[in-house]
Amino acid sequence: MIDDIFEVEQPASFPPLFTGEAVSETTDPFAKACAQAMIGVDAGLLVHSISPDSIRAAIVFAPESPLEQAMIALIACGVGFQNAMGALAPAEVAVHLGWQGEIYVNGGKAGRLRAAASSDDPSVEPDWLVIGLELDLLPRGRGDGEAGDNPNDTCLMMEGCGDISPIRLLEAWSRHTLVWLNDINTDGPRALHEQWRGLVKDIGKDITLAVEGGISGTFVGIDDAFGLLLRDGIQTRLIPLSSCLEIGDQP
């Protein structure tokens, strides 16, 4: 009788090379993944927690390149998420990405990606790299679908995506991310560059980055390693993608 009223959510089914580990709502999947990576867990662990309010997840990677190149996983995860939303959300829903990992749905911030690694030296191959996903399903601190005190923030329900199954979205994210990782390994990052440039928010605009205590300028483009080119007057600076990294032992 209950099955006739409510859709029964099937267990998560992740693609090959990924191993899912569900944790409770009180456990931070990002911190859990970092802790597991430190003790040597295999790459591909996907720790996740789904609550009525949010999706939180993190993937453990084992890079085979210096950190600055390995950070491309952050971009692959972002484009993979946009592709997953494109497959599941209504056609009119637009998803864009911030250079520091922000996720925007119809122009409002709905979540973020974050990264931690065993080393913050961009020239050193890290033992592990963790990419985390946080996505709001309902407005932060509220359950009534109103914007509240943060009009620039949003959530899936407010953008007409309340019918998307969180676990199916998580599965789709892992599948699309894996496609991009395989493409990078086979053909390099050119295709990822092309797709990401069409999704990144605020290119050509004045921005403030939460790095080095906060720096501002015009976002004029990216380099081959997805480093951000920031123009301040006549000077253009390169801000490496590794500057978005969180220290691995303090996630």
Protein backbone atom coordinates (compact mmCIF):
# COMPACT_ATOMS: atom_id res chain seq x y z
CA MET A 1 0.00 0.00 0.00
CA ILE A 2 2.84 2.37 0.89
CA ASP A 3 4.56 1.61 -2.42
CA ASP A 4 1.44 2.83 -4.22
CA ILE A 5 1.75 6.24 -2.56
CA PHE A 6 5.49 6.82 -2.35
CA GLU A 7 8.18 6.04 -4.87
CA VAL A 8 10.65 3.62 -3.28
CA GLU A 9 14.20 4.92 -3.79
CA GLN A 10 16.52 2.23 -5.09
CA PRO A 11 20.04 1.88 -3.67
CA ALA A 12 22.76 3.91 -5.36
CA SER A 13 24.41 2.33 -8.39
CA PHE A 14 27.76 3.89 -9.26
CA PRO A 15 29.85 3.20 -12.38
CA PRO A 16 32.91 0.94 -12.42
CA LEU A 17 35.92 2.31 -10.51
CA PHE A 18 33.63 4.03 -7.98
CA THR A 19 32.72 2.52 -4.62
CA GLY A 20 29.87 4.18 -2.75
CA GLU A 21 29.83 4.64 1.02
CA ALA A 22 26.73 6.20 2.55
CA VAL A 23 27.18 8.05 5.85
CA SER A 24 24.75 9.63 8.28
CA GLU A 25 23.51 13.21 8.06
CA THR A 26 25.76 14.11 11.01
CA THR A 27 28.92 12.96 9.20
CA ASP A 28 30.73 15.28 6.79
CA PRO A 29 31.48 13.20 3.66
CA PHE A 30 34.34 15.51 2.67
CA ALA A 31 36.10 15.12 6.02
CA LYS A 32 35.38 11.38 5.97
CA ALA A 33 36.85 10.99 2.48
CA CYS A 34 39.97 12.94 3.47
CA ALA A 35 40.42 10.78 6.56
CA GLN A 36 40.02 7.60 4.51
CA ALA A 37 42.47 8.89 1.90
CA MET A 38 45.06 9.57 4.59
CA ILE A 39 45.02 5.94 5.70
CA GLY A 40 45.33 4.67 2.15
CA VAL A 41 41.86 3.84 0.87
CA ASP A 42 41.64 2.94 -2.82
CA ALA A 43 40.86 5.68 -5.32
CA GLY A 44 37.26 5.84 -6.42
CA LEU A 45 35.69 5.89 -2.97
CA LEU A 46 32.57 8.07 -3.14
CA VAL A 47 31.35 9.03 0.32
CA HIS A 48 27.86 10.52 0.34
CA SER A 49 25.12 11.79 2.61
CA ILE A 50 21.63 12.74 1.45
CA SER A 51 19.25 14.61 3.73
CA PRO A 52 15.94 16.35 3.01
CA ASP A 53 17.91 19.63 2.77
CA SER A 54 21.05 18.76 0.85
CA ILE A 55 23.32 16.40 -1.03
CA ARG A 56 26.89 16.13 0.23
CA ALA A 57 29.46 13.87 -1.37
CA ALA A 58 33.20 13.48 -1.93
CA ILE A 59 35.37 11.40 -4.25
CA VAL A 60 38.88 10.15 -3.49
CA PHE A 61 41.39 10.34 -6.36
CA ALA A 62 44.95 8.99 -6.65
CA PRO A 63 46.70 11.47 -8.95
CA GLU A 64 49.55 10.41 -11.22
CA SER A 65 50.67 13.95 -11.99
CA PRO A 66 51.81 17.04 -10.05
CA LEU A 67 49.13 18.79 -8.05
CA GLU A 68 48.64 21.68 -10.50
CA GLN A 69 47.74 19.21 -13.25
CA ALA A 70 45.80 16.92 -10.90
CA MET A 71 43.52 19.81 -9.93
CA ILE A 72 41.83 19.40 -13.31
CA ALA A 73 39.69 16.85 -11.45
CA LEU A 74 37.91 19.83 -9.85
CA ILE A 75 36.94 21.08 -13.32
CA ALA A 76 35.93 17.60 -14.49
CA CYS A 77 33.67 17.19 -11.46
CA GLY A 78 32.08 20.58 -12.11
CA VAL A 79 31.36 19.90 -15.77
CA GLY A 80 30.22 16.40 -14.84
CA PHE A 81 27.70 17.91 -12.43
CA GLN A 82 26.39 20.32 -15.07
CA ASN A 83 26.02 17.43 -17.51
CA ALA A 84 24.13 15.42 -14.87
CA MET A 85 21.75 18.29 -14.22
CA GLY A 86 21.29 18.72 -17.95
CA ALA A 87 20.15 15.12 -18.20
CA LEU A 88 17.73 15.25 -15.25
CA ALA A 89 16.50 18.84 -14.83
CA PRO A 90 13.82 20.62 -16.88
CA ALA A 91 15.18 22.02 -20.15
CA GLU A 92 14.84 25.65 -19.01
CA VAL A 93 17.15 25.16 -16.01
CA ALA A 94 20.61 26.68 -16.53
CA VAL A 95 23.64 25.53 -14.53
CA HIS A 96 26.87 27.55 -14.46
CA LEU A 97 30.13 27.13 -12.58
CA GLY A 98 32.36 29.48 -10.64
CA TRP A 99 36.13 29.22 -10.99
CA GLN A 100 36.51 28.50 -7.27
CA GLY A 101 33.97 25.68 -7.41
CA GLU A 102 30.69 27.53 -6.98
CA ILE A 103 27.58 25.96 -8.52
CA TYR A 104 24.92 28.31 -9.85
CA VAL A 105 21.41 27.26 -10.88
CA ASN A 106 19.48 29.89 -12.88
CA GLY A 107 21.94 32.49 -11.67
CA GLY A 108 21.66 31.77 -7.93
CA LYS A 109 24.30 29.96 -5.90
CA ALA A 110 23.01 26.48 -5.02
CA GLY A 111 26.17 24.72 -3.92
CA ARG A 112 29.88 24.30 -4.39
CA LEU A 113 32.75 21.97 -5.15
CA ARG A 114 35.81 21.90 -2.95
CA ALA A 115 39.20 20.18 -3.00
CA ALA A 116 41.80 18.91 -0.55
CA ALA A 117 45.04 17.02 -1.11
CA SER A 118 47.92 15.50 0.80
CA SER A 119 50.21 18.35 -0.31
CA ASP A 120 49.70 21.96 -1.37
CA ASP A 121 52.92 22.08 -3.40
CA PRO A 122 51.76 22.51 -7.02
CA SER A 123 54.91 20.83 -8.38
CA VAL A 124 54.61 17.67 -6.24
CA GLU A 125 52.48 14.63 -7.06
CA PRO A 126 50.08 14.30 -4.10
CA ASP A 127 49.37 10.93 -2.52
CA TRP A 128 45.66 11.69 -2.76
CA LEU A 129 43.17 14.31 -3.86
CA VAL A 130 39.57 14.65 -2.67
CA ILE A 131 36.87 16.59 -4.53
CA GLY A 132 33.72 17.37 -2.55
CA LEU A 133 30.21 18.33 -3.68
CA GLU A 134 27.66 20.26 -1.64
CA LEU A 135 24.24 21.06 -3.08
CA ASP A 136 21.19 22.61 -1.45
CA LEU A 137 17.88 20.87 -2.12
CA LEU A 138 15.91 23.26 0.13
CA PRO A 139 16.75 26.83 1.22
CA ARG A 140 19.37 26.94 3.94
CA GLY A 141 17.75 27.10 7.35
CA ARG A 142 14.24 26.97 5.92
CA GLY A 143 11.91 24.37 4.52
CA ASP A 144 9.22 26.51 2.93
CA GLY A 145 10.81 27.31 -0.42
CA GLU A 146 11.41 31.02 0.26
CA ALA A 147 14.66 32.83 -0.40
CA GLY A 148 15.03 34.11 3.15
CA ASP A 149 17.93 36.41 4.00
CA ASN A 150 20.17 35.40 1.08
CA PRO A 151 18.49 36.49 -2.18
CA ASN A 152 21.55 35.47 -4.24
CA ASP A 153 21.31 31.89 -2.99
CA THR A 154 18.94 29.28 -4.32
CA CYS A 155 18.25 25.55 -4.18
CA LEU A 156 16.91 22.86 -6.47
CA MET A 157 13.35 23.11 -5.19
CA MET A 158 13.20 26.86 -5.80
CA GLU A 159 14.37 26.37 -9.39
CA GLY A 160 11.76 23.79 -10.36
CA CYS A 161 14.01 20.79 -9.75
CA GLY A 162 12.27 19.42 -6.68
CA ASP A 163 11.27 16.24 -8.49
CA ILE A 164 14.87 15.22 -9.21
CA SER A 165 15.85 12.17 -7.19
CA PRO A 166 18.96 13.10 -5.14
CA ILE A 167 20.45 9.64 -5.41
CA ARG A 168 19.86 9.53 -9.19
CA LEU A 169 21.55 12.94 -9.48
CA LEU A 170 24.50 11.65 -7.47
CA GLU A 171 24.76 8.62 -9.74
CA ALA A 172 24.60 10.80 -12.86
CA TRP A 173 27.29 13.09 -11.45
CA SER A 174 29.64 10.14 -10.95
CA ARG A 175 28.95 8.77 -14.46
CA HIS A 176 29.47 12.07 -16.26
CA THR A 177 32.56 12.85 -14.20
CA LEU A 178 34.04 9.47 -15.11
CA VAL A 179 33.40 10.15 -18.80
CA TRP A 180 35.38 13.39 -18.56
CA LEU A 181 38.22 11.79 -16.61
CA ASN A 182 38.51 9.05 -19.25
CA ASP A 183 38.44 11.67 -22.01
CA ILE A 184 41.24 13.62 -20.34
CA ASN A 185 43.35 10.49 -19.98
CA THR A 186 42.81 9.58 -23.64
CA ASP A 187 42.81 12.91 -25.48
CA GLY A 188 43.94 15.54 -22.99
CA PRO A 189 41.88 18.43 -21.60
CA ARG A 190 41.01 20.27 -24.84
CA ALA A 191 37.37 19.14 -24.96
CA LEU A 192 36.97 19.87 -21.24
CA HIS A 193 38.35 23.37 -21.83
CA GLU A 194 35.80 24.01 -24.56
CA GLN A 195 32.86 22.79 -22.50
CA TRP A 196 33.92 24.55 -19.31
CA ARG A 197 34.46 27.92 -20.99
CA GLY A 198 30.80 27.86 -22.00
CA LEU A 199 29.73 27.22 -18.42
CA VAL A 200 32.01 29.43 -16.31
CA LYS A 201 30.34 32.41 -14.68
CA ASP A 202 31.59 36.01 -14.72
CA ILE A 203 34.29 35.71 -17.39
CA GLY A 204 34.96 39.24 -18.69
CA LYS A 205 33.59 40.76 -15.48
CA ASP A 206 35.09 42.26 -12.33
CA ILE A 207 35.34 39.68 -9.57
CA THR A 208 36.77 39.21 -6.09
CA LEU A 209 38.51 35.93 -5.31
CA ALA A 210 38.72 34.45 -1.83
CA VAL A 211 42.45 33.75 -2.15
CA GLU A 212 45.45 35.58 -0.69
CA GLY A 213 43.10 37.33 1.70
CA GLY A 214 40.88 38.52 -1.15
CA ILE A 215 41.98 39.90 -4.51
CA SER A 216 39.97 41.74 -7.15
CA GLY A 217 40.23 42.38 -10.86
CA THR A 218 38.73 41.50 -14.22
CA PHE A 219 38.39 37.81 -15.03
CA VAL A 220 39.85 37.80 -18.55
CA GLY A 221 40.32 34.07 -19.15
CA ILE A 222 42.18 30.90 -18.17
CA ASP A 223 45.45 29.23 -19.10
CA ASP A 224 46.01 25.63 -20.22
CA ALA A 225 45.88 24.38 -16.60
CA PHE A 226 42.67 26.30 -15.83
CA GLY A 227 44.57 28.97 -13.93
CA LEU A 228 42.60 32.22 -13.78
CA LEU A 229 43.93 35.31 -15.57
CA LEU A 230 43.04 38.34 -13.47
CA ARG A 231 43.64 41.84 -14.83
CA ASP A 232 44.13 44.70 -12.39
CA GLY A 233 44.72 47.88 -14.37
CA ILE A 234 47.45 47.12 -16.89
CA GLN A 235 48.80 44.10 -15.03
CA THR A 236 47.49 40.57 -15.58
CA ARG A 237 48.13 37.95 -12.92
CA LEU A 238 47.86 34.19 -13.14
CA ILE A 239 46.03 32.65 -10.17
CA PRO A 240 46.71 28.89 -10.21
CA LEU A 241 43.82 26.50 -9.72
CA SER A 242 45.71 24.95 -6.81
CA SER A 243 45.06 28.17 -4.87
CA CYS A 244 41.50 26.85 -4.37
CA LEU A 245 42.88 23.89 -2.43
CA GLU A 246 42.11 23.25 1.22
CA ILE A 247 44.84 21.75 3.38
CA GLY A 248 44.33 18.01 3.53
CA ASP A 249 44.82 17.54 7.27
CA GLN A 250 42.36 20.33 8.05
CA PRO A 251 39.39 19.81 5.67
